[in-house]
Amino acid sequence: MLGLITRWLLSALALILTTKIVPGIQVASLTTLFVASLVLGLINAIVRPILIFFTLPLTIVTLGLFILIINGFTFWLAAHFVPGFHVTGFMAALFGAIVMSLLSFVFSFFIKTGEKLAH
């Protein structure tokens, strides 16, 4: 349970950093930030695998680059569902998804390193 909460908080941190880095992404409040990170996690866990499955031929033809489009779409979709979380266009969503992915990768590296040190 603690690991889930830690990942959620790190996702929220990644989202706030993304709003500072990528123009065109705004979060209205701290509550909106946490709700948006939760919705992003749910969409990435439920919708993203379905989209990847149905677009697999296109993903193969583009050598995996179409997954960037799917990531941008899921980022935009989260903004569509959360009031106060605004993404001005698809390019902002695409770059926001890329930045979020990179930050999440870095944060997950530190989580795994911390878990190894704890044992």
C-alpha atoms as a PDB file:
ATOM      1  CA  MET A   1       0.000   0.000   0.000  1.00  0.00           C
ATOM      2  CA  LEU A   2       2.839   2.363   0.825  1.00  0.00           C
ATOM      3  CA  GLY A   3       4.412   1.660  -2.564  1.00  0.00           C
ATOM      4  CA  LEU A   4       1.177   2.573  -4.341  1.00  0.00           C
ATOM      5  CA  ILE A   5       0.908   5.862  -2.453  1.00  0.00           C
ATOM      6  CA  THR A   6       4.568   6.610  -3.131  1.00  0.00           C
ATOM      7  CA  ARG A   7       4.093   6.041  -6.859  1.00  0.00           C
ATOM      8  CA  TRP A   8       0.990   8.237  -6.845  1.00  0.00           C
ATOM      9  CA  LEU A   9       2.863  11.064  -5.097  1.00  0.00           C
ATOM     10  CA  LEU A  10       5.780  10.734  -7.505  1.00  0.00           C
ATOM     11  CA  SER A  11       3.350  10.802 -10.410  1.00  0.00           C
ATOM     12  CA  ALA A  12       1.899  14.027  -9.010  1.00  0.00           C
ATOM     13  CA  LEU A  13       5.432  15.431  -8.699  1.00  0.00           C
ATOM     14  CA  ALA A  14       6.149  14.426 -12.299  1.00  0.00           C
ATOM     15  CA  LEU A  15       2.939  16.128 -13.405  1.00  0.00           C
ATOM     16  CA  ILE A  16       3.748  19.397 -11.636  1.00  0.00           C
ATOM     17  CA  LEU A  17       7.238  19.352 -13.173  1.00  0.00           C
ATOM     18  CA  THR A  18       5.664  18.658 -16.564  1.00  0.00           C
ATOM     19  CA  THR A  19       3.422  21.724 -16.192  1.00  0.00           C
ATOM     20  CA  LYS A  20       6.547  23.798 -15.512  1.00  0.00           C
ATOM     21  CA  ILE A  21       8.480  22.367 -18.480  1.00  0.00           C
ATOM     22  CA  VAL A  22       5.842  22.043 -21.217  1.00  0.00           C
ATOM     23  CA  PRO A  23       3.934  25.159 -22.255  1.00  0.00           C
ATOM     24  CA  GLY A  24       0.225  24.609 -22.753  1.00  0.00           C
ATOM     25  CA  ILE A  25      -0.369  22.378 -19.734  1.00  0.00           C
ATOM     26  CA  GLN A  26      -1.976  23.897 -16.654  1.00  0.00           C
ATOM     27  CA  VAL A  27      -3.228  22.498 -13.370  1.00  0.00           C
ATOM     28  CA  ALA A  28      -5.623  24.734 -11.420  1.00  0.00           C
ATOM     29  CA  SER A  29      -4.981  23.514  -7.870  1.00  0.00           C
ATOM     30  CA  LEU A  30      -3.202  20.969  -5.730  1.00  0.00           C
ATOM     31  CA  THR A  31      -6.360  18.861  -5.513  1.00  0.00           C
ATOM     32  CA  THR A  32      -6.641  18.893  -9.303  1.00  0.00           C
ATOM     33  CA  LEU A  33      -3.001  17.830  -9.513  1.00  0.00           C
ATOM     34  CA  PHE A  34      -3.583  14.746  -7.369  1.00  0.00           C
ATOM     35  CA  VAL A  35      -6.829  13.844  -9.137  1.00  0.00           C
ATOM     36  CA  ALA A  36      -5.166  14.277 -12.544  1.00  0.00           C
ATOM     37  CA  SER A  37      -2.253  12.018 -11.571  1.00  0.00           C
ATOM     38  CA  LEU A  38      -4.717   9.407 -10.342  1.00  0.00           C
ATOM     39  CA  VAL A  39      -6.773   9.604 -13.553  1.00  0.00           C
ATOM     40  CA  LEU A  40      -3.591   9.408 -15.647  1.00  0.00           C
ATOM     41  CA  GLY A  41      -2.608   6.259 -13.789  1.00  0.00           C
ATOM     42  CA  LEU A  42      -6.025   4.689 -14.294  1.00  0.00           C
ATOM     43  CA  ILE A  43      -6.127   5.548 -17.991  1.00  0.00           C
ATOM     44  CA  ASN A  44      -2.607   4.207 -18.471  1.00  0.00           C
ATOM     45  CA  ALA A  45      -3.560   0.999 -16.664  1.00  0.00           C
ATOM     46  CA  ILE A  46      -6.904   0.399 -18.401  1.00  0.00           C
ATOM     47  CA  VAL A  47      -7.242   2.300 -21.697  1.00  0.00           C
ATOM     48  CA  ARG A  48      -3.637   2.383 -22.916  1.00  0.00           C
ATOM     49  CA  PRO A  49      -3.177  -1.428 -23.169  1.00  0.00           C
ATOM     50  CA  ILE A  50      -6.424  -1.713 -25.135  1.00  0.00           C
ATOM     51  CA  LEU A  51      -5.300   1.022 -27.534  1.00  0.00           C
ATOM     52  CA  ILE A  52      -1.903  -0.604 -27.958  1.00  0.00           C
ATOM     53  CA  PHE A  53      -3.545  -3.958 -28.725  1.00  0.00           C
ATOM     54  CA  PHE A  54      -5.865  -2.554 -31.379  1.00  0.00           C
ATOM     55  CA  THR A  55      -3.174  -0.435 -33.026  1.00  0.00           C
ATOM     56  CA  LEU A  56      -0.479  -3.114 -32.919  1.00  0.00           C
ATOM     57  CA  PRO A  57      -0.137  -3.404 -36.728  1.00  0.00           C
ATOM     58  CA  LEU A  58       0.342   0.367 -37.013  1.00  0.00           C
ATOM     59  CA  THR A  59       2.793   0.301 -34.122  1.00  0.00           C
ATOM     60  CA  ILE A  60       4.801  -2.437 -35.827  1.00  0.00           C
ATOM     61  CA  VAL A  61       4.851  -0.567 -39.160  1.00  0.00           C
ATOM     62  CA  THR A  62       6.067   2.610 -37.447  1.00  0.00           C
ATOM     63  CA  LEU A  63       8.655   0.648 -35.443  1.00  0.00           C
ATOM     64  CA  GLY A  64       6.985   1.563 -32.169  1.00  0.00           C
ATOM     65  CA  LEU A  65       6.716   5.300 -32.744  1.00  0.00           C
ATOM     66  CA  PHE A  66       2.914   5.163 -32.788  1.00  0.00           C
ATOM     67  CA  ILE A  67       3.036   4.473 -29.048  1.00  0.00           C
ATOM     68  CA  LEU A  68       4.066   8.124 -28.637  1.00  0.00           C
ATOM     69  CA  ILE A  69       0.781   9.116 -30.275  1.00  0.00           C
ATOM     70  CA  ILE A  70      -1.116   6.783 -27.937  1.00  0.00           C
ATOM     71  CA  ASN A  71       0.675   8.286 -24.931  1.00  0.00           C
ATOM     72  CA  GLY A  72      -0.230  11.796 -26.090  1.00  0.00           C
ATOM     73  CA  PHE A  73      -3.840  10.736 -26.575  1.00  0.00           C
ATOM     74  CA  THR A  74      -4.076   9.227 -23.095  1.00  0.00           C
ATOM     75  CA  PHE A  75      -2.570  12.415 -21.627  1.00  0.00           C
ATOM     76  CA  TRP A  76      -5.138  14.507 -23.506  1.00  0.00           C
ATOM     77  CA  LEU A  77      -7.911  12.119 -22.432  1.00  0.00           C
ATOM     78  CA  ALA A  78      -7.002  12.563 -18.770  1.00  0.00           C
ATOM     79  CA  ALA A  79      -7.161  16.337 -19.214  1.00  0.00           C
ATOM     80  CA  HIS A  80     -10.576  15.923 -20.814  1.00  0.00           C
ATOM     81  CA  PHE A  81     -11.925  14.083 -17.754  1.00  0.00           C
ATOM     82  CA  VAL A  82     -10.411  16.223 -14.980  1.00  0.00           C
ATOM     83  CA  PRO A  83     -11.806  19.736 -14.516  1.00  0.00           C
ATOM     84  CA  GLY A  84      -8.984  22.199 -13.902  1.00  0.00           C
ATOM     85  CA  PHE A  85      -6.401  20.142 -15.809  1.00  0.00           C
ATOM     86  CA  HIS A  86      -5.952  21.819 -19.188  1.00  0.00           C
ATOM     87  CA  VAL A  87      -3.925  20.768 -22.222  1.00  0.00           C
ATOM     88  CA  THR A  88      -4.129  23.321 -25.041  1.00  0.00           C
ATOM     89  CA  GLY A  89      -3.463  21.034 -27.973  1.00  0.00           C
ATOM     90  CA  PHE A  90      -2.211  17.678 -29.143  1.00  0.00           C
ATOM     91  CA  MET A  91       1.430  18.804 -29.367  1.00  0.00           C
ATOM     92  CA  ALA A  92       1.308  19.924 -25.728  1.00  0.00           C
ATOM     93  CA  ALA A  93      -0.245  16.546 -24.848  1.00  0.00           C
ATOM     94  CA  LEU A  94       2.425  14.699 -26.828  1.00  0.00           C
ATOM     95  CA  PHE A  95       5.325  16.582 -25.236  1.00  0.00           C
ATOM     96  CA  GLY A  96       3.645  16.365 -21.834  1.00  0.00           C
ATOM     97  CA  ALA A  97       3.360  12.592 -22.180  1.00  0.00           C
ATOM     98  CA  ILE A  98       7.017  12.344 -23.192  1.00  0.00           C
ATOM     99  CA  VAL A  99       8.178  14.455 -20.246  1.00  0.00           C
ATOM    100  CA  MET A 100       5.918  12.528 -17.839  1.00  0.00           C
ATOM    101  CA  SER A 101       7.300   9.237 -19.159  1.00  0.00           C
ATOM    102  CA  LEU A 102      10.891  10.360 -18.723  1.00  0.00           C
ATOM    103  CA  LEU A 103      10.283  11.706 -15.226  1.00  0.00           C
ATOM    104  CA  SER A 104       8.376   8.578 -14.202  1.00  0.00           C
ATOM    105  CA  PHE A 105      11.230   6.439 -15.510  1.00  0.00           C
ATOM    106  CA  VAL A 106      13.756   8.398 -13.452  1.00  0.00           C
ATOM    107  CA  PHE A 107      11.559   8.278 -10.343  1.00  0.00           C
ATOM    108  CA  SER A 108      10.934   4.546 -10.712  1.00  0.00           C
ATOM    109  CA  PHE A 109      14.694   4.015 -10.920  1.00  0.00           C
ATOM    110  CA  PHE A 110      15.091   5.723  -7.549  1.00  0.00           C
ATOM    111  CA  ILE A 111      12.204   3.732  -6.052  1.00  0.00           C
ATOM    112  CA  LYS A 112      13.787   0.448  -7.142  1.00  0.00           C
ATOM    113  CA  THR A 113      17.187   1.585  -5.862  1.00  0.00           C
ATOM    114  CA  GLY A 114      15.632   2.538  -2.518  1.00  0.00           C
ATOM    115  CA  GLU A 115      13.874  -0.845  -2.266  1.00  0.00           C
ATOM    116  CA  LYS A 116      17.157  -2.668  -2.876  1.00  0.00           C
ATOM    117  CA  LEU A 117      18.893  -0.601  -0.222  1.00  0.00           C
ATOM    118  CA  ALA A 118      16.109  -1.257   2.301  1.00  0.00           C
ATOM    119  CA  HIS A 119      16.497  -5.035   2.025  1.00  0.00           C
END
